Protein backbone atom coordinates (compact mmCIF):
# COMPACT_ATOMS: atom_id res chain seq x y z
CA MET A 1 170.20 106.50 70.95
CA LYS A 2 168.49 104.64 68.14
CA LYS A 3 167.40 101.94 70.59
CA ASN A 4 165.89 104.54 72.94
CA LEU A 5 164.02 106.15 70.03
CA LEU A 6 162.60 102.82 68.90
CA LEU A 7 161.57 102.00 72.47
CA ALA A 8 159.83 105.36 72.83
CA VAL A 9 157.95 104.86 69.54
CA PHE A 10 156.93 101.37 70.64
CA LEU A 11 155.65 102.64 73.98
CA ILE A 12 153.65 105.41 72.30
CA PHE A 13 152.17 102.84 69.91
CA CYS A 14 151.16 100.60 72.83
CA ILE A 15 149.54 103.51 74.65
CA VAL A 16 147.55 104.52 71.55
CA VAL A 17 146.40 100.92 70.94
CA TYR A 18 145.40 100.55 74.61
CA SER A 19 143.48 103.83 74.58
CA ILE A 20 141.59 102.92 71.41
CA SER A 21 140.82 99.43 72.72
CA ASN A 22 139.64 100.79 76.06
CA LEU A 23 137.43 103.37 74.35
CA PHE A 24 135.93 100.66 72.15
CA PHE A 25 135.33 98.45 75.19
CA GLN A 26 133.61 101.25 77.11
CA GLU A 27 131.37 102.16 74.17
CA ASN A 28 130.53 98.51 73.54
CA HIS A 29 129.92 97.90 77.25
CA THR A 30 127.65 100.96 77.47
CA LYS A 31 125.75 99.81 74.39
CA LYS A 32 125.23 96.37 75.90
CA ILE A 33 123.96 97.92 79.12
CA GLN A 34 121.55 100.11 77.17
CA GLU A 35 120.38 97.13 75.12
CA ASN A 36 119.89 94.95 78.20
CA PRO A 37 116.37 95.77 79.45
CA LYS A 38 117.24 94.78 83.04
CA HIS A 39 119.47 97.85 83.36
CA ASN A 40 116.54 100.18 82.63
CA ILE A 41 113.86 98.52 84.74
CA HIS A 42 112.42 99.59 88.08
CA LYS A 43 112.66 96.42 90.20
CA GLY A 44 110.61 96.45 93.36
CA VAL A 45 108.30 94.86 95.90
CA ALA A 46 104.86 95.93 97.11
CA LEU A 47 104.07 97.16 100.61
CA THR A 48 100.64 98.18 101.91
CA LEU A 49 100.52 100.97 104.50
CA LEU A 50 98.36 99.09 106.99
CA ASP A 51 97.91 100.52 110.48
CA PRO A 52 100.02 97.86 112.29
CA TYR A 53 102.98 98.62 109.99
CA ASN A 54 103.20 102.27 110.99
CA THR A 55 106.07 101.68 113.43
CA ASP A 56 109.81 102.23 113.34
CA ASN A 57 110.28 98.58 114.30
CA PHE A 58 108.46 97.37 111.18
CA TYR A 59 110.69 99.38 108.86
CA ASP A 60 113.87 98.62 110.83
CA LYS A 61 113.09 94.93 110.45
CA ASN A 62 112.06 94.85 106.79
CA LEU A 63 113.77 97.66 104.89
CA PRO A 64 117.27 96.15 105.23
CA LYS A 65 115.95 92.94 103.63
CA ILE A 66 114.36 94.90 100.79
CA LYS A 67 117.56 96.89 100.32
CA GLU A 68 119.61 93.68 100.16
CA MET A 69 117.22 92.37 97.53
CA GLY A 70 118.02 95.36 95.31
CA ALA A 71 114.37 96.40 95.33
CA GLU A 72 112.46 99.66 95.28
CA LEU A 73 109.05 100.08 96.93
CA GLU A 74 105.59 100.20 95.47
CA VAL A 75 103.45 101.67 98.24
CA VAL A 76 99.77 100.72 98.40
CA THR A 77 97.43 102.96 100.39
CA LYS A 78 93.87 102.36 101.52
CA VAL A 79 90.86 104.42 100.48
CA SER A 80 87.75 103.16 102.27
CA ILE A 81 84.21 102.65 101.03
CA GLN A 82 81.17 101.28 102.85
CA SER A 83 79.56 99.40 99.96
CA THR A 84 80.07 98.55 96.29
CA ASN A 85 77.91 101.57 95.40
CA ASP A 86 79.37 104.08 97.86
CA SER A 87 80.14 107.27 95.93
CA MET A 88 82.14 108.97 98.69
CA PRO A 89 85.44 107.15 99.28
CA VAL A 90 87.44 108.25 102.32
CA ASN A 91 91.20 108.52 102.28
CA ASP A 92 93.16 106.88 105.10
CA PRO A 93 92.83 109.34 108.02
CA ASN A 94 96.36 108.41 109.16
CA ILE A 95 97.99 108.67 105.75
CA GLU A 96 100.08 111.78 106.48
CA ASP A 97 101.68 110.22 109.55
CA LYS A 98 102.26 106.97 107.64
CA PHE A 99 103.91 108.79 104.75
CA ASN A 100 106.13 110.78 107.11
CA ARG A 101 107.44 107.58 108.68
CA LEU A 102 107.66 105.72 105.35
CA PHE A 103 109.73 108.37 103.60
CA SER A 104 111.90 109.06 106.63
CA LYS A 105 112.73 105.37 107.04
CA SER A 106 113.10 104.62 103.33
CA LYS A 107 115.63 107.46 103.03
CA GLU A 108 117.44 106.23 106.13
CA TYR A 109 117.90 102.79 104.58
CA GLY A 110 118.37 103.93 100.99
CA VAL A 111 115.27 102.24 99.58
CA LYS A 112 113.52 104.29 96.88
CA VAL A 113 109.74 104.61 96.74
CA SER A 114 108.93 104.54 93.02
CA VAL A 115 105.16 103.89 92.89
CA ILE A 116 102.22 105.13 94.95
CA LYS A 117 99.10 103.06 94.35
CA PRO A 118 95.86 103.81 96.24
CA HIS A 119 93.38 100.93 96.54
CA ILE A 120 89.66 101.36 97.04
CA MET A 121 88.77 98.79 99.69
CA PHE A 122 86.59 97.55 102.47
CA PRO A 123 88.45 96.86 105.74
CA GLY A 124 91.29 94.53 104.71
CA ASP A 125 92.04 94.21 101.00
CA GLY A 126 89.76 91.38 99.89
CA PHE A 127 87.26 93.57 98.03
CA ASP A 128 86.85 92.85 94.32
CA ARG A 129 87.32 96.35 92.93
CA GLY A 130 86.05 95.14 89.57
CA THR A 131 82.53 95.21 91.06
CA TYR A 132 82.80 98.77 92.35
CA ASN A 133 80.07 100.89 90.77
CA PRO A 134 79.42 104.18 92.59
CA SER A 135 75.78 105.20 92.51
CA ASN A 136 76.57 108.85 91.79
CA THR A 137 79.31 109.20 89.20
CA ASN A 138 79.75 112.96 89.59
CA ASP A 139 80.06 112.77 93.38
CA PHE A 140 82.55 109.94 93.13
CA PHE A 141 84.88 111.60 90.64
CA LYS A 142 84.75 114.92 92.47
CA ARG A 143 85.88 113.18 95.66
CA TRP A 144 88.33 110.92 93.83
CA LYS A 145 90.02 113.88 92.15
CA GLU A 146 90.67 115.45 95.57
CA ILE A 147 92.18 112.20 96.85
CA ILE A 148 94.35 111.61 93.77
CA LEU A 149 95.62 115.20 93.72
CA TYR A 150 96.80 114.69 97.29
CA TYR A 151 98.77 111.62 96.18
CA ALA A 152 100.09 113.50 93.15
CA LYS A 153 101.46 116.23 95.43
CA VAL A 154 103.13 113.63 97.65
CA SER A 155 104.60 111.96 94.56
CA HIS A 156 105.97 115.30 93.38
CA ASP A 157 107.31 116.36 96.78
CA GLU A 158 109.00 113.00 97.46
CA ASP A 159 110.28 112.38 93.92
CA VAL A 160 108.11 109.28 93.37
CA PRO A 161 108.07 108.80 89.58
CA PHE A 162 104.84 106.80 89.13
CA LEU A 163 101.32 107.38 90.46
CA SER A 164 98.59 104.82 89.82
CA ILE A 165 95.30 106.72 89.82
CA THR A 166 93.18 103.59 90.23
CA CYS A 167 93.58 99.83 90.58
CA GLU A 168 91.42 97.13 88.97
CA THR A 169 88.24 99.22 88.97
CA SER A 170 86.84 97.53 85.86
CA ILE A 171 83.50 99.32 85.62
CA ILE A 172 84.65 102.92 86.05
CA THR A 173 87.61 102.60 83.67
CA GLN A 174 85.41 101.78 80.68
CA ASN A 175 85.70 104.34 77.90
CA THR A 176 82.41 106.05 78.79
CA TYR A 177 84.19 107.40 81.88
CA ILE A 178 87.18 108.83 80.03
CA PRO A 179 86.11 112.52 80.37
CA TYR A 180 86.21 112.19 84.17
CA TRP A 181 89.67 110.63 84.08
CA GLN A 182 90.85 113.25 81.60
CA GLU A 183 89.95 115.99 84.05
CA ILE A 184 91.99 114.32 86.80
CA ILE A 185 94.97 113.62 84.55
CA ASN A 186 94.98 117.13 83.09
CA GLU A 187 95.07 118.71 86.54
CA ILE A 188 97.91 116.43 87.64
CA LYS A 189 99.87 117.39 84.53
CA GLN A 190 99.20 121.08 85.09
CA LYS A 191 100.29 121.05 88.75
CA TYR A 192 102.84 118.21 88.85
CA PRO A 193 104.17 117.60 85.32
CA ASP A 194 107.00 115.40 86.60
CA VAL A 195 104.60 112.74 87.93
CA GLN A 196 103.97 109.90 85.48
CA VAL A 197 100.34 108.77 85.55
CA THR A 198 99.29 105.16 85.21
CA MET A 199 96.42 102.79 86.07
CA ALA A 200 96.89 99.27 87.44
CA LEU A 201 94.73 97.01 85.28
CA LYS A 202 93.94 93.35 85.63
CA LYS A 203 94.49 91.25 82.53
CA SER A 204 90.85 91.18 81.36
CA ASP A 205 90.64 94.99 81.56
CA LEU A 206 93.88 95.39 79.61
CA ASP A 207 92.51 93.09 76.91
CA ARG A 208 89.33 95.17 76.82
CA GLU A 209 91.39 98.30 76.12
CA ILE A 210 93.31 96.48 73.39
CA ALA A 211 89.98 95.42 71.86
CA TYR A 212 88.79 99.04 71.97
CA HIS A 213 91.81 100.05 69.90
CA GLU A 214 91.35 97.22 67.43
CA LYS A 215 87.75 98.35 66.89
CA GLY A 216 88.81 101.96 66.41
CA VAL A 217 87.28 102.99 69.74
CA ILE A 218 88.92 105.43 72.18
CA SER A 219 90.77 103.92 75.14
CA ILE A 220 91.85 105.30 78.51
CA LEU A 221 95.36 103.98 77.72
CA ASP A 222 95.77 106.84 75.25
CA TYR A 223 95.85 109.28 78.19
CA LEU A 224 98.32 107.48 80.46
CA ASP A 225 102.08 108.00 80.57
CA VAL A 226 102.71 104.31 81.12
CA VAL A 227 100.40 101.29 81.22
CA SER A 228 100.32 99.04 84.28
CA LEU A 229 99.33 95.39 84.48
CA ASN A 230 98.68 93.15 87.48
CA MET A 231 100.02 89.81 86.22
CA PHE A 232 99.19 86.46 87.84
CA PRO A 233 99.43 83.71 85.21
CA ARG A 234 99.17 80.02 85.87
CA VAL A 235 102.60 78.69 84.94
CA LYS A 236 103.06 75.29 83.29
CA ARG A 237 104.95 72.91 85.56
CA ASP A 238 106.80 71.60 82.48
CA TYR A 239 108.75 74.88 82.47
CA VAL A 240 110.29 74.34 85.90
CA GLY A 241 114.05 74.19 85.46
CA LYS A 242 113.97 75.25 81.81
CA ASN A 243 116.32 77.93 80.50
CA ILE A 244 114.17 80.80 79.18
CA ILE A 245 115.92 82.36 76.18
CA ALA A 246 112.95 84.26 74.71
CA PRO A 247 109.67 85.49 76.24
CA SER A 248 106.79 83.20 75.33
CA ASP A 249 103.15 82.75 76.28
CA ASP A 250 103.74 79.02 75.96
CA ALA A 251 105.06 79.10 79.55
CA PHE A 252 101.59 80.04 80.80
CA VAL A 253 98.26 78.23 80.84
CA SER A 254 96.14 79.91 78.17
CA VAL A 255 92.72 81.41 78.85
CA PRO A 256 90.17 80.70 76.08
CA GLY A 257 89.30 83.82 74.11
CA ALA A 258 92.04 85.95 75.70
CA TYR A 259 95.42 87.11 74.50
CA GLY A 260 98.44 85.69 76.28
CA PHE A 261 100.22 87.93 78.77
CA ILE A 262 103.27 88.41 76.56
CA THR A 263 101.09 89.12 73.53
CA SER A 264 99.05 91.74 75.39
CA ILE A 265 102.18 93.52 76.64
CA LYS A 266 103.58 93.67 73.11
CA LYS A 267 100.26 94.93 71.73
CA VAL A 268 100.21 97.78 74.26
CA LYS A 269 103.56 98.97 72.97
CA GLU A 270 102.55 98.49 69.34
CA TYR A 271 99.12 100.15 69.58
CA PHE A 272 99.60 102.85 72.21
CA LYS A 273 103.39 103.42 72.04
CA LYS A 274 103.51 103.10 75.83
CA ASP A 275 105.88 101.22 78.12
CA VAL A 276 104.44 98.71 80.58
CA ILE A 277 104.90 98.40 84.33
CA ILE A 278 103.99 95.15 86.07
CA THR A 279 102.48 96.65 89.22
CA GLU A 280 101.66 93.28 90.75
CA THR A 281 103.08 89.82 90.11
CA GLY A 282 103.55 87.08 92.66
CA SER A 283 102.45 83.73 93.97
CA SER A 284 101.20 82.26 97.22
CA PRO A 285 103.74 80.22 99.24
CA ARG A 286 101.67 77.02 99.12
CA SER A 287 102.47 74.17 96.71
CA ASP A 288 100.28 71.61 94.96
CA PHE A 289 102.47 69.06 93.19
CA LYS A 290 99.44 67.11 91.91
CA LYS A 291 98.60 69.88 89.43
CA ASP A 292 100.41 70.28 86.11
CA TYR A 293 100.63 74.03 86.64
CA LEU A 294 101.84 76.42 89.35
CA ASN A 295 98.84 78.25 90.80
CA PRO A 296 99.63 81.78 92.06
CA PHE A 297 96.39 81.82 94.06
CA ASN A 298 96.70 78.56 95.98
CA PHE A 299 95.36 79.41 99.43
CA ASP A 300 94.29 75.87 100.34
CA GLN A 301 95.25 75.37 103.98
CA GLU A 302 95.88 71.68 103.26
CA SER A 303 98.65 72.52 100.80
CA PRO A 304 102.15 72.68 102.29
CA LYS A 305 103.47 76.20 102.87
CA ASN A 306 106.98 75.39 101.64
CA HIS A 307 107.46 78.15 99.01
CA ARG A 308 108.58 75.59 96.38
CA ASP A 309 105.90 76.35 93.77
CA GLN A 310 106.21 80.04 94.62
CA ASN A 311 109.95 79.98 94.00
CA ASP A 312 109.65 78.13 90.68
CA TRP A 313 106.76 80.38 89.61
CA MET A 314 108.83 83.47 90.34
CA LYS A 315 111.84 82.21 88.39
CA ILE A 316 109.80 81.53 85.25
CA VAL A 317 107.77 84.74 85.34
CA LEU A 318 110.77 86.99 86.03
CA ASP A 319 112.88 85.29 83.35
CA ASN A 320 110.15 86.05 80.81
CA LEU A 321 109.58 89.63 81.95
CA PHE A 322 113.26 90.57 81.99
CA LEU A 323 113.47 89.59 78.32
CA LEU A 324 110.68 92.00 77.34
CA LYS A 325 111.99 95.39 76.23
CA GLU A 326 108.45 96.76 76.62
CA VAL A 327 108.53 96.22 80.39
CA LYS A 328 110.04 99.09 82.41
CA GLY A 329 109.00 98.07 85.92
CA ILE A 330 108.32 94.91 87.95
CA TYR A 331 106.89 94.88 91.48
CA ILE A 332 106.53 91.63 93.43
CA TRP A 333 103.26 91.13 95.29
CA HIS A 334 103.55 91.10 98.30
CA ILE A 335 105.78 91.20 101.39
CA ASP A 336 102.71 90.58 103.58
CA GLN A 337 100.39 87.60 104.08
CA PRO A 338 99.22 85.58 102.24
CA PHE A 339 101.99 86.08 99.62
CA ASP A 340 104.80 86.67 102.12
CA PHE A 341 108.21 85.75 100.74
CA LEU A 342 110.76 87.65 102.83
CA ASP A 343 113.23 85.35 104.63
CA THR A 344 112.56 82.52 102.15
CA LYS A 345 114.31 80.96 99.17
CA THR A 346 111.92 82.97 96.98
CA ALA A 347 113.50 86.17 98.32
CA ASP A 348 116.91 84.72 97.40
CA THR A 349 115.67 84.06 93.87
CA ILE A 350 114.30 87.60 93.53
CA ARG A 351 117.55 89.05 94.85
CA LYS A 352 119.60 87.05 92.32
CA LYS A 353 117.32 88.08 89.45
CA TYR A 354 117.21 91.74 90.51
CA ARG A 355 120.95 92.05 91.09
CA LYS A 356 122.12 89.93 88.13
């Protein structure tokens, strides 16, 4: 009897110890997950809704690969202009049909669309939007508000969390244009409060906004929900194969007179209290081993298209970004030419980083 009592007490003790230990483990594990920025990041790839891609076959071929990668979709749409001063941009006339197929197929394959990002462009996407300067500001913003409100409604209806209301339009995002952007943002917030508004900025434009703040001048970043950066640094070849344990601008070739990429991202959080999304980051598949840096924009047809520099570039950039608590989204540019990386070792690298 005494033995049975002692055994029962011992078993109860073991159960209590196990329960407490398990509870501690779960709390500690949850804390580690919350502290690990990778668990709270949108990880995706970019896709442009070009006319040839509006087929079931395109999505049946590519969405399984994107799903396997553990990636969401950033969807780029085209808004056409006829010249750098054209004040009347025209939304893609086939956009509704393209969206219907996109969302139907993305749901079929379980790939989430998490960003919609309209691009002002000539035919193709080679136009430098930084030079865009509509001749009639009022006409442009009246038309642009109509276009953006359409995309805001789609974002709301399809549960797309982020809407970029412009991309790399350097001239018309200067602070003198803020009242026009305020009107657009206010109407989005009134009609679709769940949609988070951002702007995709190139590095020089982001640094301009940081400089505005440092001079005590108003910035468009004050009115955004999150800040977006298109990030294409030249990466030092010395960093190939290195273990990145802390984010550092030392991995990138510096630009005289400019903040480093890591520094700018940290300043956005410090100054504007906003998280950052990397709406574009990627490298061409061509390699140039004679250079002491990895060039993301190497389109020299004489360079071998072997994806080696691209793969190393991606490893170093992603390792730095995943260590930044300020970064809440990363989207690889681009599944299409000339950055194409699907079915390559670069895609394997992205998959390992995204699913780690």
